[in-house]
Amino acid sequence: MPQIQQPSNQIKLTNVSIVRLKKGGKRFEIACYKNKVQEFRTGVETNLDDVLQINNVFVNVSKGEVAKSGDLQKAFSKADINEIVKEILKKGEVQVGEKEREHDLGSLRKEIATLVAEKCVDPSTQRPYPVGMIDKAMSEAGFSVKPNKNAKSQVSECIKLLQSDSNLPIQRARMRIKVSLPVVDAEKLREKILEVAEKVEHDETGAADWEITMLIDPGQFRIINDLLQKECKGRGRLETLTFAATASVNPST
């Protein structure tokens, strides 16, 4: 009985990432192992055999349509498959399936909610909210996750939206800092420093130095730091002690 031949153009791939590059008016694709593309781009992985599922360049990976050598030569101005693959790996766009995209967006959303929960508190108790409550407020405020940006870069926008468009009372956790200045500098900077204080916990002027411990909005930290750098020329000292939520519960820590 003759052996039944499977259609050669049907490629069954699992755990695959397809990287696509349009060049010279044509589309070229390569089939890679998941997570290996990023490792190659950052230099963690250098062996192409460990990155590629199939060492070839395709017009369409899922249909098994291999790119013609003439098209590759015309588009890339070279014939070396490895060099062409490297260019596609570096410059190509990683194709993501719908389920994977939803999963990635869900993970990114949770990461944003976790960062917001770490940076913010309930104003009435000065305690942090559970991540689930933040996530619910994000939905209420209509926060839209941007898949092309990392979680950290979306936190500030998310907090602002929660403050304006959700019913959740929320504020940034206050940072506890200690400022030490020579008395001569304190005379001209005292008022400016006190302006940014939300709460002064300790204020003491000695024979030579002025010391103040206070709670501030973290956004004010750079302002104070720049002020000391500019006016004190290295004579002042600024220390971060704690973040507010835990500090408020036990001020002696």
Protein backbone atom coordinates (compact mmCIF):
# COMPACT_ATOMS: atom_id res chain seq x y z
CA MET A 1 0.00 0.00 0.00
CA PRO A 2 1.56 3.32 -1.07
CA GLN A 3 2.42 5.77 1.66
CA ILE A 4 0.16 8.81 1.79
CA GLN A 5 2.15 12.00 1.35
CA GLN A 6 1.19 14.93 3.56
CA PRO A 7 0.94 18.26 1.74
CA SER A 8 4.40 19.79 2.01
CA ASN A 9 3.11 23.33 2.34
CA GLN A 10 1.25 22.75 5.60
CA ILE A 11 3.50 23.69 8.51
CA LYS A 12 2.28 22.85 11.99
CA LEU A 13 4.15 24.95 14.48
CA THR A 14 3.68 25.30 18.19
CA ASN A 15 5.23 27.81 20.59
CA VAL A 16 5.95 30.04 17.58
CA SER A 17 6.59 33.73 17.11
CA ILE A 18 6.47 35.00 13.54
CA VAL A 19 8.67 37.99 12.72
CA ARG A 20 7.63 39.91 9.62
CA LEU A 21 9.53 42.50 7.60
CA LYS A 22 8.25 44.35 4.53
CA LYS A 23 11.09 45.24 2.20
CA GLY A 24 11.30 46.00 -1.49
CA GLY A 25 7.54 45.88 -1.78
CA LYS A 26 7.36 42.29 -0.51
CA ARG A 27 6.63 40.62 2.81
CA PHE A 28 9.14 38.26 4.39
CA GLU A 29 8.59 36.12 7.49
CA ILE A 30 10.62 33.85 9.74
CA ALA A 31 9.38 31.36 12.36
CA CYS A 32 11.05 31.78 15.75
CA TYR A 33 10.69 30.30 19.22
CA LYS A 34 8.74 32.47 21.62
CA ASN A 35 10.84 34.72 23.87
CA LYS A 36 13.95 34.10 21.76
CA VAL A 37 13.40 37.13 19.50
CA GLN A 38 13.83 39.56 22.39
CA GLU A 39 16.81 37.61 23.70
CA PHE A 40 18.46 37.88 20.28
CA ARG A 41 17.75 41.61 20.09
CA THR A 42 19.29 42.26 23.50
CA GLY A 43 22.31 40.07 22.76
CA VAL A 44 21.45 37.37 25.33
CA GLU A 45 21.03 34.82 22.54
CA THR A 46 23.42 34.80 19.57
CA ASN A 47 22.90 31.31 18.10
CA LEU A 48 20.38 31.48 15.23
CA ASP A 49 19.68 27.73 15.54
CA ASP A 50 18.28 28.38 19.01
CA VAL A 51 16.14 31.26 17.77
CA LEU A 52 14.67 29.85 14.53
CA GLN A 53 12.16 27.01 14.35
CA ILE A 54 12.90 26.64 10.63
CA ASN A 55 16.09 28.01 9.11
CA ASN A 56 14.45 29.62 6.11
CA VAL A 57 12.74 32.81 4.98
CA PHE A 58 9.07 32.66 4.01
CA VAL A 59 6.54 34.81 2.23
CA ASN A 60 3.91 33.21 4.47
CA VAL A 61 5.00 30.95 7.35
CA SER A 62 1.58 29.44 8.08
CA LYS A 63 1.11 28.40 4.43
CA GLY A 64 4.69 27.22 4.10
CA GLU A 65 5.41 29.54 1.18
CA VAL A 66 9.19 29.91 1.00
CA ALA A 67 10.57 33.20 -0.34
CA LYS A 68 12.29 32.97 -3.75
CA SER A 69 16.03 33.51 -3.72
CA GLY A 70 15.70 36.10 -6.48
CA ASP A 71 13.22 38.14 -4.39
CA LEU A 72 15.52 37.93 -1.36
CA GLN A 73 18.53 39.06 -3.40
CA LYS A 74 16.56 41.96 -4.89
CA ALA A 75 15.10 43.12 -1.55
CA PHE A 76 18.13 42.63 0.71
CA SER A 77 20.96 43.00 -1.86
CA LYS A 78 22.56 39.82 -0.48
CA ALA A 79 22.16 36.07 -0.79
CA ASP A 80 23.38 34.83 2.60
CA ILE A 81 20.25 33.47 4.35
CA ASN A 82 21.75 33.91 7.83
CA GLU A 83 22.49 37.59 7.19
CA ILE A 84 18.98 38.12 5.83
CA VAL A 85 17.47 36.32 8.83
CA LYS A 86 19.48 38.54 11.21
CA GLU A 87 18.15 41.67 9.48
CA ILE A 88 14.57 40.42 9.75
CA LEU A 89 15.15 39.55 13.41
CA LYS A 90 16.52 43.00 14.18
CA LYS A 91 14.12 45.14 12.16
CA GLY A 92 11.01 43.00 11.75
CA GLU A 93 7.71 43.25 13.59
CA VAL A 94 6.76 40.39 15.90
CA GLN A 95 3.30 39.12 14.97
CA VAL A 96 1.04 38.42 17.93
CA GLY A 97 -2.14 36.33 17.83
CA GLU A 98 -5.43 37.64 19.24
CA LYS A 99 -5.42 35.38 22.32
CA GLU A 100 -1.78 36.19 23.04
CA ARG A 101 -2.47 39.92 22.58
CA GLU A 102 -5.34 39.74 25.07
CA HIS A 103 -3.14 37.85 27.52
CA ASP A 104 -0.29 40.37 27.13
CA LEU A 105 -2.68 43.31 27.59
CA GLY A 106 -4.13 41.65 30.68
CA SER A 107 -0.65 41.14 32.15
CA LEU A 108 0.32 44.72 31.35
CA ARG A 109 -2.88 46.02 32.92
CA LYS A 110 -2.24 44.04 36.10
CA GLU A 111 1.34 45.35 36.23
CA ILE A 112 0.07 48.93 35.95
CA ALA A 113 -2.53 48.34 38.67
CA THR A 114 0.17 46.84 40.92
CA LEU A 115 2.46 49.86 40.43
CA VAL A 116 -0.43 52.27 41.12
CA ALA A 117 -1.25 50.33 44.30
CA GLU A 118 2.40 50.64 45.40
CA LYS A 119 2.53 54.39 44.76
CA CYS A 120 -0.91 55.46 46.04
CA VAL A 121 -3.01 55.40 49.19
CA ASP A 122 -6.51 56.07 50.49
CA PRO A 123 -6.28 59.72 51.68
CA SER A 124 -8.42 59.06 54.74
CA THR A 125 -6.40 56.12 56.08
CA GLN A 126 -3.04 56.62 54.33
CA ARG A 127 -3.09 52.90 53.60
CA PRO A 128 -2.64 51.32 50.16
CA TYR A 129 -5.57 49.83 48.22
CA PRO A 130 -5.66 46.18 47.09
CA VAL A 131 -4.63 45.72 43.44
CA GLY A 132 -8.12 44.36 42.61
CA MET A 133 -9.74 47.57 43.81
CA ILE A 134 -7.36 49.66 41.70
CA ASP A 135 -8.13 47.48 38.66
CA LYS A 136 -11.87 47.96 39.19
CA ALA A 137 -11.39 51.74 39.43
CA MET A 138 -9.34 51.66 36.21
CA SER A 139 -12.31 50.07 34.43
CA GLU A 140 -14.67 52.61 35.98
CA ALA A 141 -12.47 55.48 34.78
CA GLY A 142 -12.17 53.96 31.30
CA PHE A 143 -8.39 53.57 31.43
CA SER A 144 -7.04 52.14 28.18
CA VAL A 145 -3.78 50.19 28.28
CA LYS A 146 -1.28 51.14 25.56
CA PRO A 147 0.37 47.89 24.36
CA ASN A 148 3.36 49.71 22.86
CA LYS A 149 4.36 51.34 26.16
CA ASN A 150 5.72 49.69 29.29
CA ALA A 151 3.76 49.69 32.56
CA LYS A 152 5.97 52.21 34.35
CA SER A 153 5.44 54.90 31.71
CA GLN A 154 1.63 54.59 32.01
CA VAL A 155 1.34 54.89 35.80
CA SER A 156 1.17 58.71 36.08
CA GLU A 157 -1.54 58.94 33.42
CA CYS A 158 -3.50 56.17 35.14
CA ILE A 159 -3.34 57.91 38.55
CA LYS A 160 -4.54 61.21 37.07
CA LEU A 161 -7.47 59.46 35.38
CA LEU A 162 -8.41 57.64 38.59
CA GLN A 163 -8.40 60.96 40.46
CA SER A 164 -10.61 62.67 37.87
CA ASP A 165 -12.88 59.93 36.47
CA SER A 166 -13.32 57.26 39.16
CA ASN A 167 -15.18 57.23 42.49
CA LEU A 168 -12.11 55.91 44.31
CA PRO A 169 -10.53 58.53 46.63
CA ILE A 170 -6.85 58.20 45.84
CA GLN A 171 -3.63 60.17 46.25
CA ARG A 172 0.03 59.49 45.70
CA ALA A 173 1.81 58.06 48.73
CA ARG A 174 3.83 60.75 50.46
CA MET A 175 7.59 60.49 50.62
CA ARG A 176 9.37 61.15 53.90
CA ILE A 177 12.59 63.11 53.41
CA LYS A 178 15.22 64.71 55.59
CA VAL A 179 16.93 67.95 54.53
CA SER A 180 20.10 69.18 56.25
CA LEU A 181 21.55 72.61 55.48
CA PRO A 182 24.14 74.96 56.94
CA VAL A 183 22.30 77.73 58.82
CA VAL A 184 23.58 80.34 56.39
CA ASP A 185 21.86 78.55 53.48
CA ALA A 186 18.75 77.76 55.52
CA GLU A 187 18.04 81.46 55.99
CA LYS A 188 17.44 81.96 52.26
CA LEU A 189 15.98 78.52 51.40
CA ARG A 190 13.79 77.74 54.43
CA GLU A 191 10.58 79.24 53.03
CA LYS A 192 11.00 77.61 49.60
CA ILE A 193 11.55 74.18 51.19
CA LEU A 194 8.61 74.54 53.58
CA GLU A 195 6.36 75.47 50.65
CA VAL A 196 6.51 71.91 49.28
CA ALA A 197 6.00 70.19 52.65
CA GLU A 198 2.67 68.43 53.16
CA LYS A 199 3.54 67.76 56.79
CA VAL A 200 6.55 68.76 58.88
CA GLU A 201 7.52 66.05 61.38
CA HIS A 202 10.74 67.52 62.74
CA ASP A 203 12.24 71.01 62.45
CA GLU A 204 15.41 71.86 64.36
CA THR A 205 17.98 74.64 64.01
CA GLY A 206 21.33 73.97 65.64
CA ALA A 207 24.45 76.09 65.98
CA ALA A 208 25.67 75.24 62.50
CA ASP A 209 22.92 73.28 60.72
CA TRP A 210 19.19 73.29 60.06
CA GLU A 211 17.47 69.90 59.84
CA ILE A 212 13.91 69.21 58.76
CA THR A 213 12.04 65.90 58.30
CA MET A 214 8.84 66.18 56.30
CA LEU A 215 6.34 64.43 54.04
CA ILE A 216 6.16 65.55 50.42
CA ASP A 217 4.51 64.51 47.17
CA PRO A 218 7.17 62.39 45.37
CA GLY A 219 6.88 64.76 42.42
CA GLN A 220 8.43 67.50 44.57
CA PHE A 221 11.60 65.53 45.31
CA ARG A 222 13.40 66.66 42.16
CA ILE A 223 12.43 70.29 42.80
CA ILE A 224 14.05 70.23 46.25
CA ASN A 225 17.07 68.34 44.95
CA ASP A 226 17.59 70.86 42.11
CA LEU A 227 17.20 73.74 44.59
CA LEU A 228 19.90 72.33 46.87
CA GLN A 229 22.23 71.60 43.95
CA LYS A 230 21.85 75.13 42.61
CA GLU A 231 21.89 77.14 45.84
CA CYS A 232 24.03 75.08 48.23
CA LYS A 233 26.79 73.89 45.88
CA GLY A 234 27.07 70.54 47.63
CA ARG A 235 26.72 71.87 51.19
CA GLY A 236 23.15 70.60 51.65
CA ARG A 237 22.04 66.98 52.11
CA LEU A 238 18.79 65.37 51.01
CA GLU A 239 17.81 61.87 52.19
CA THR A 240 14.83 59.69 51.35
CA LEU A 241 13.66 57.96 54.53
CA THR A 242 10.48 56.05 53.64
CA PHE A 243 7.31 56.16 51.63
CA ALA A 244 4.28 57.42 53.37
CA ALA A 245 1.78 54.65 53.65
CA THR A 246 3.84 52.63 56.11
CA ALA A 247 5.44 55.72 57.63
CA SER A 248 2.11 57.24 58.57
CA VAL A 249 1.07 54.18 60.54
CA ASN A 250 4.23 54.30 62.64
CA PRO A 251 5.92 57.71 62.46
CA SER A 252 8.79 56.57 64.63
CA THR A 253 10.14 54.23 61.92
